[in-house]
Amino acid sequence: MSYEESFLSTCDAEGKAPSWAIKQIFEEHSSDLDEFIGLATPQEWDDGKTILHYLGY
């Protein structure tokens, strides 16, 4: 299983990631979660594919 698949497997049926997984992936990538939240729309800040895209996947 790839890293992306592993992260997406934590998401619910709508593709929304749980807060613990979002926090973890941003920590693992030394990326600023608050910056991402400021750039993302309210509908996409917890979307797994959007998060992965933002992090360069």
PDB file of N, CA and C in Angstrom:
ATOM      1  N   MET A   1       0.850  -1.175   0.000  1.00  0.00           N
ATOM      2  CA  MET A   1       0.000   0.000   0.000  1.00  0.00           C
ATOM      3  C   MET A   1       0.894   1.236   0.000  1.00  0.00           C
ATOM      4  N   SER A   2       0.598   2.168  -0.896  1.00  0.00           N
ATOM      5  CA  SER A   2       1.385   3.391  -0.976  1.00  0.00           C
ATOM      6  C   SER A   2       1.029   4.332   0.179  1.00  0.00           C
ATOM      7  N   TYR A   3       1.856   5.337   0.357  1.00  0.00           N
ATOM      8  CA  TYR A   3       1.592   6.327   1.406  1.00  0.00           C
ATOM      9  C   TYR A   3       0.253   7.004   1.174  1.00  0.00           C
ATOM     10  N   GLU A   4      -0.007   7.373  -0.080  1.00  0.00           N
ATOM     11  CA  GLU A   4      -1.272   8.030  -0.410  1.00  0.00           C
ATOM     12  C   GLU A   4      -2.459   7.130  -0.096  1.00  0.00           C
ATOM     13  N   GLU A   5      -2.371   5.869  -0.491  1.00  0.00           N
ATOM     14  CA  GLU A   5      -3.452   4.916  -0.224  1.00  0.00           C
ATOM     15  C   GLU A   5      -3.664   4.724   1.270  1.00  0.00           C
ATOM     16  N   SER A   6      -2.566   4.690   2.003  1.00  0.00           N
ATOM     17  CA  SER A   6      -2.660   4.540   3.451  1.00  0.00           C
ATOM     18  C   SER A   6      -3.389   5.722   4.073  1.00  0.00           C
ATOM     19  N   PHE A   7      -3.044   6.936   3.646  1.00  0.00           N
ATOM     20  CA  PHE A   7      -3.718   8.116   4.174  1.00  0.00           C
ATOM     21  C   PHE A   7      -5.193   8.113   3.786  1.00  0.00           C
ATOM     22  N   LEU A   8      -5.479   7.828   2.527  1.00  0.00           N
ATOM     23  CA  LEU A   8      -6.874   7.833   2.067  1.00  0.00           C
ATOM     24  C   LEU A   8      -7.704   6.748   2.755  1.00  0.00           C
ATOM     25  N   SER A   9      -7.071   5.682   3.214  1.00  0.00           N
ATOM     26  CA  SER A   9      -7.812   4.625   3.906  1.00  0.00           C
ATOM     27  C   SER A   9      -8.336   5.088   5.268  1.00  0.00           C
ATOM     28  N   THR A  10      -7.804   6.193   5.783  1.00  0.00           N
ATOM     29  CA  THR A  10      -8.314   6.736   7.046  1.00  0.00           C
ATOM     30  C   THR A  10      -9.558   7.593   6.834  1.00  0.00           C
ATOM     31  N   CYS A  11      -9.821   7.957   5.563  1.00  0.00           N
ATOM     32  CA  CYS A  11     -10.942   8.838   5.242  1.00  0.00           C
ATOM     33  C   CYS A  11     -12.268   8.078   5.270  1.00  0.00           C
ATOM     34  N   ASP A  12     -13.334   8.832   5.488  1.00  0.00           N
ATOM     35  CA  ASP A  12     -14.665   8.229   5.488  1.00  0.00           C
ATOM     36  C   ASP A  12     -15.166   8.051   4.047  1.00  0.00           C
ATOM     37  N   ALA A  13     -16.395   7.605   3.897  1.00  0.00           N
ATOM     38  CA  ALA A  13     -16.964   7.316   2.580  1.00  0.00           C
ATOM     39  C   ALA A  13     -17.042   8.557   1.688  1.00  0.00           C
ATOM     40  N   GLU A  14     -17.069   9.733   2.279  1.00  0.00           N
ATOM     41  CA  GLU A  14     -17.123  10.985   1.511  1.00  0.00           C
ATOM     42  C   GLU A  14     -15.728  11.544   1.215  1.00  0.00           C
ATOM     43  N   GLY A  15     -14.686  10.825   1.637  1.00  0.00           N
ATOM     44  CA  GLY A  15     -13.318  11.276   1.387  1.00  0.00           C
ATOM     45  C   GLY A  15     -12.782  12.250   2.410  1.00  0.00           C
ATOM     46  N   LYS A  16     -13.493  12.403   3.526  1.00  0.00           N
ATOM     47  CA  LYS A  16     -13.074  13.342   4.567  1.00  0.00           C
ATOM     48  C   LYS A  16     -12.139  12.640   5.554  1.00  0.00           C
ATOM     49  N   ALA A  17     -11.020  13.266   5.817  1.00  0.00           N
ATOM     50  CA  ALA A  17     -10.028  12.708   6.729  1.00  0.00           C
ATOM     51  C   ALA A  17     -10.346  13.101   8.170  1.00  0.00           C
ATOM     52  N   PRO A  18     -10.069  12.200   9.110  1.00  0.00           N
ATOM     53  CA  PRO A  18     -10.267  12.558  10.516  1.00  0.00           C
ATOM     54  C   PRO A  18      -9.191  13.553  10.969  1.00  0.00           C
ATOM     55  N   SER A  19      -9.526  14.347  11.966  1.00  0.00           N
ATOM     56  CA  SER A  19      -8.606  15.407  12.407  1.00  0.00           C
ATOM     57  C   SER A  19      -7.250  14.860  12.846  1.00  0.00           C
ATOM     58  N   TRP A  20      -7.227  13.698  13.495  1.00  0.00           N
ATOM     59  CA  TRP A  20      -5.936  13.140  13.941  1.00  0.00           C
ATOM     60  C   TRP A  20      -5.041  12.804  12.744  1.00  0.00           C
ATOM     61  N   ALA A  21      -5.629  12.317  11.646  1.00  0.00           N
ATOM     62  CA  ALA A  21      -4.839  11.959  10.468  1.00  0.00           C
ATOM     63  C   ALA A  21      -4.335  13.208   9.750  1.00  0.00           C
ATOM     64  N   ILE A  22      -5.169  14.254   9.723  1.00  0.00           N
ATOM     65  CA  ILE A  22      -4.750  15.513   9.108  1.00  0.00           C
ATOM     66  C   ILE A  22      -3.568  16.095   9.878  1.00  0.00           C
ATOM     67  N   LYS A  23      -3.695  16.148  11.189  1.00  0.00           N
ATOM     68  CA  LYS A  23      -2.608  16.675  12.023  1.00  0.00           C
ATOM     69  C   LYS A  23      -1.329  15.863  11.798  1.00  0.00           C
ATOM     70  N   GLN A  24      -1.460  14.550  11.772  1.00  0.00           N
ATOM     71  CA  GLN A  24      -0.296  13.674  11.615  1.00  0.00           C
ATOM     72  C   GLN A  24       0.388  13.877  10.266  1.00  0.00           C
ATOM     73  N   ILE A  25      -0.374  13.936   9.180  1.00  0.00           N
ATOM     74  CA  ILE A  25       0.254  14.057   7.859  1.00  0.00           C
ATOM     75  C   ILE A  25       0.970  15.397   7.709  1.00  0.00           C
ATOM     76  N   PHE A  26       0.409  16.448   8.276  1.00  0.00           N
ATOM     77  CA  PHE A  26       1.085  17.744   8.199  1.00  0.00           C
ATOM     78  C   PHE A  26       2.346  17.744   9.061  1.00  0.00           C
ATOM     79  N   GLU A  27       2.315  17.091  10.212  1.00  0.00           N
ATOM     80  CA  GLU A  27       3.521  16.985  11.042  1.00  0.00           C
ATOM     81  C   GLU A  27       4.592  16.171  10.322  1.00  0.00           C
ATOM     82  N   GLU A  28       4.195  15.061   9.698  1.00  0.00           N
ATOM     83  CA  GLU A  28       5.157  14.209   8.995  1.00  0.00           C
ATOM     84  C   GLU A  28       5.809  14.926   7.814  1.00  0.00           C
ATOM     85  N   HIS A  29       5.119  15.881   7.236  1.00  0.00           N
ATOM     86  CA  HIS A  29       5.655  16.627   6.096  1.00  0.00           C
ATOM     87  C   HIS A  29       6.207  17.994   6.493  1.00  0.00           C
ATOM     88  N   SER A  30       6.265  18.251   7.787  1.00  0.00           N
ATOM     89  CA  SER A  30       6.745  19.544   8.290  1.00  0.00           C
ATOM     90  C   SER A  30       6.080  20.695   7.538  1.00  0.00           C
ATOM     91  N   SER A  31       4.789  20.566   7.366  1.00  0.00           N
ATOM     92  CA  SER A  31       4.013  21.571   6.643  1.00  0.00           C
ATOM     93  C   SER A  31       3.072  22.265   7.622  1.00  0.00           C
ATOM     94  N   ASP A  32       2.720  23.494   7.310  1.00  0.00           N
ATOM     95  CA  ASP A  32       1.911  24.320   8.202  1.00  0.00           C
ATOM     96  C   ASP A  32       0.418  24.081   7.961  1.00  0.00           C
ATOM     97  N   LEU A  33      -0.217  23.384   8.875  1.00  0.00           N
ATOM     98  CA  LEU A  33      -1.638  23.078   8.778  1.00  0.00           C
ATOM     99  C   LEU A  33      -2.473  24.350   8.781  1.00  0.00           C
ATOM    100  N   ASP A  34      -2.125  25.311   9.610  1.00  0.00           N
ATOM    101  CA  ASP A  34      -2.889  26.561   9.668  1.00  0.00           C
ATOM    102  C   ASP A  34      -2.837  27.315   8.334  1.00  0.00           C
ATOM    103  N   GLU A  35      -1.703  27.272   7.674  1.00  0.00           N
ATOM    104  CA  GLU A  35      -1.583  27.909   6.359  1.00  0.00           C
ATOM    105  C   GLU A  35      -2.518  27.218   5.361  1.00  0.00           C
ATOM    106  N   PHE A  36      -2.511  25.892   5.375  1.00  0.00           N
ATOM    107  CA  PHE A  36      -3.396  25.148   4.475  1.00  0.00           C
ATOM    108  C   PHE A  36      -4.859  25.473   4.743  1.00  0.00           C
ATOM    109  N   ILE A  37      -5.247  25.483   6.006  1.00  0.00           N
ATOM    110  CA  ILE A  37      -6.637  25.781   6.358  1.00  0.00           C
ATOM    111  C   ILE A  37      -7.014  27.180   5.865  1.00  0.00           C
ATOM    112  N   GLY A  38      -6.080  28.123   5.940  1.00  0.00           N
ATOM    113  CA  GLY A  38      -6.344  29.472   5.467  1.00  0.00           C
ATOM    114  C   GLY A  38      -6.535  29.550   3.965  1.00  0.00           C
ATOM    115  N   LEU A  39      -5.898  28.654   3.225  1.00  0.00           N
ATOM    116  CA  LEU A  39      -6.006  28.646   1.770  1.00  0.00           C
ATOM    117  C   LEU A  39      -7.178  27.813   1.264  1.00  0.00           C
ATOM    118  N   ALA A  40      -7.547  26.790   2.008  1.00  0.00           N
ATOM    119  CA  ALA A  40      -8.603  25.867   1.588  1.00  0.00           C
ATOM    120  C   ALA A  40      -9.987  26.448   1.874  1.00  0.00           C
ATOM    121  N   THR A  41     -10.953  26.001   1.100  1.00  0.00           N
ATOM    122  CA  THR A  41     -12.334  26.389   1.381  1.00  0.00           C
ATOM    123  C   THR A  41     -12.841  25.549   2.543  1.00  0.00           C
ATOM    124  N   PRO A  42     -13.905  25.962   3.199  1.00  0.00           N
ATOM    125  CA  PRO A  42     -14.453  25.163   4.298  1.00  0.00           C
ATOM    126  C   PRO A  42     -14.857  23.747   3.865  1.00  0.00           C
ATOM    127  N   GLN A  43     -15.207  23.579   2.597  1.00  0.00           N
ATOM    128  CA  GLN A  43     -15.602  22.265   2.110  1.00  0.00           C
ATOM    129  C   GLN A  43     -14.415  21.344   1.825  1.00  0.00           C
ATOM    130  N   GLU A  44     -13.225  21.914   1.671  1.00  0.00           N
ATOM    131  CA  GLU A  44     -12.103  21.073   1.261  1.00  0.00           C
ATOM    132  C   GLU A  44     -10.979  20.927   2.285  1.00  0.00           C
ATOM    133  N   TRP A  45     -11.023  21.640   3.395  1.00  0.00           N
ATOM    134  CA  TRP A  45      -9.885  21.592   4.322  1.00  0.00           C
ATOM    135  C   TRP A  45      -9.663  20.191   4.894  1.00  0.00           C
ATOM    136  N   ASP A  46     -10.713  19.346   4.941  1.00  0.00           N
ATOM    137  CA  ASP A  46     -10.538  17.992   5.466  1.00  0.00           C
ATOM    138  C   ASP A  46     -10.680  16.921   4.385  1.00  0.00           C
ATOM    139  N   ASP A  47     -10.652  17.339   3.109  1.00  0.00           N
ATOM    140  CA  ASP A  47     -10.758  16.396   1.997  1.00  0.00           C
ATOM    141  C   ASP A  47      -9.408  15.716   1.763  1.00  0.00           C
ATOM    142  N   GLY A  48      -9.391  14.405   1.831  1.00  0.00           N
ATOM    143  CA  GLY A  48      -8.146  13.652   1.727  1.00  0.00           C
ATOM    144  C   GLY A  48      -7.365  13.919   0.454  1.00  0.00           C
ATOM    145  N   LYS A  49      -8.035  13.925  -0.684  1.00  0.00           N
ATOM    146  CA  LYS A  49      -7.348  14.146  -1.957  1.00  0.00           C
ATOM    147  C   LYS A  49      -6.821  15.573  -2.063  1.00  0.00           C
ATOM    148  N   THR A  50      -7.554  16.534  -1.551  1.00  0.00           N
ATOM    149  CA  THR A  50      -7.093  17.929  -1.558  1.00  0.00           C
ATOM    150  C   THR A  50      -5.843  18.071  -0.709  1.00  0.00           C
ATOM    151  N   ILE A  51      -5.842  17.435   0.446  1.00  0.00           N
ATOM    152  CA  ILE A  51      -4.677  17.480   1.330  1.00  0.00           C
ATOM    153  C   ILE A  51      -3.453  16.881   0.644  1.00  0.00           C
ATOM    154  N   LEU A  52      -3.629  15.711   0.052  1.00  0.00           N
ATOM    155  CA  LEU A  52      -2.512  15.075  -0.644  1.00  0.00           C
ATOM    156  C   LEU A  52      -2.006  15.939  -1.789  1.00  0.00           C
ATOM    157  N   HIS A  53      -2.903  16.543  -2.536  1.00  0.00           N
ATOM    158  CA  HIS A  53      -2.510  17.427  -3.637  1.00  0.00           C
ATOM    159  C   HIS A  53      -1.702  18.615  -3.109  1.00  0.00           C
ATOM    160  N   TYR A  54      -2.162  19.206  -2.024  1.00  0.00           N
ATOM    161  CA  TYR A  54      -1.470  20.338  -1.420  1.00  0.00           C
ATOM    162  C   TYR A  54      -0.048  19.947  -0.995  1.00  0.00           C
ATOM    163  N   LEU A  55       0.094  18.718  -0.511  1.00  0.00           N
ATOM    164  CA  LEU A  55       1.402  18.258  -0.030  1.00  0.00           C
ATOM    165  C   LEU A  55       2.282  17.719  -1.165  1.00  0.00           C
ATOM    166  N   GLY A  56       1.785  17.767  -2.394  1.00  0.00           N
ATOM    167  CA  GLY A  56       2.618  17.415  -3.533  1.00  0.00           C
ATOM    168  C   GLY A  56       2.452  15.997  -4.056  1.00  0.00           C
ATOM    169  N   TYR A  57       1.385  15.327  -3.683  1.00  0.00           N
ATOM    170  CA  TYR A  57       1.158  13.957  -4.185  1.00  0.00           C
ATOM    171  C   TYR A  57       0.279  13.971  -5.400  1.00  0.00           C
TER     172      TYR A  57
END
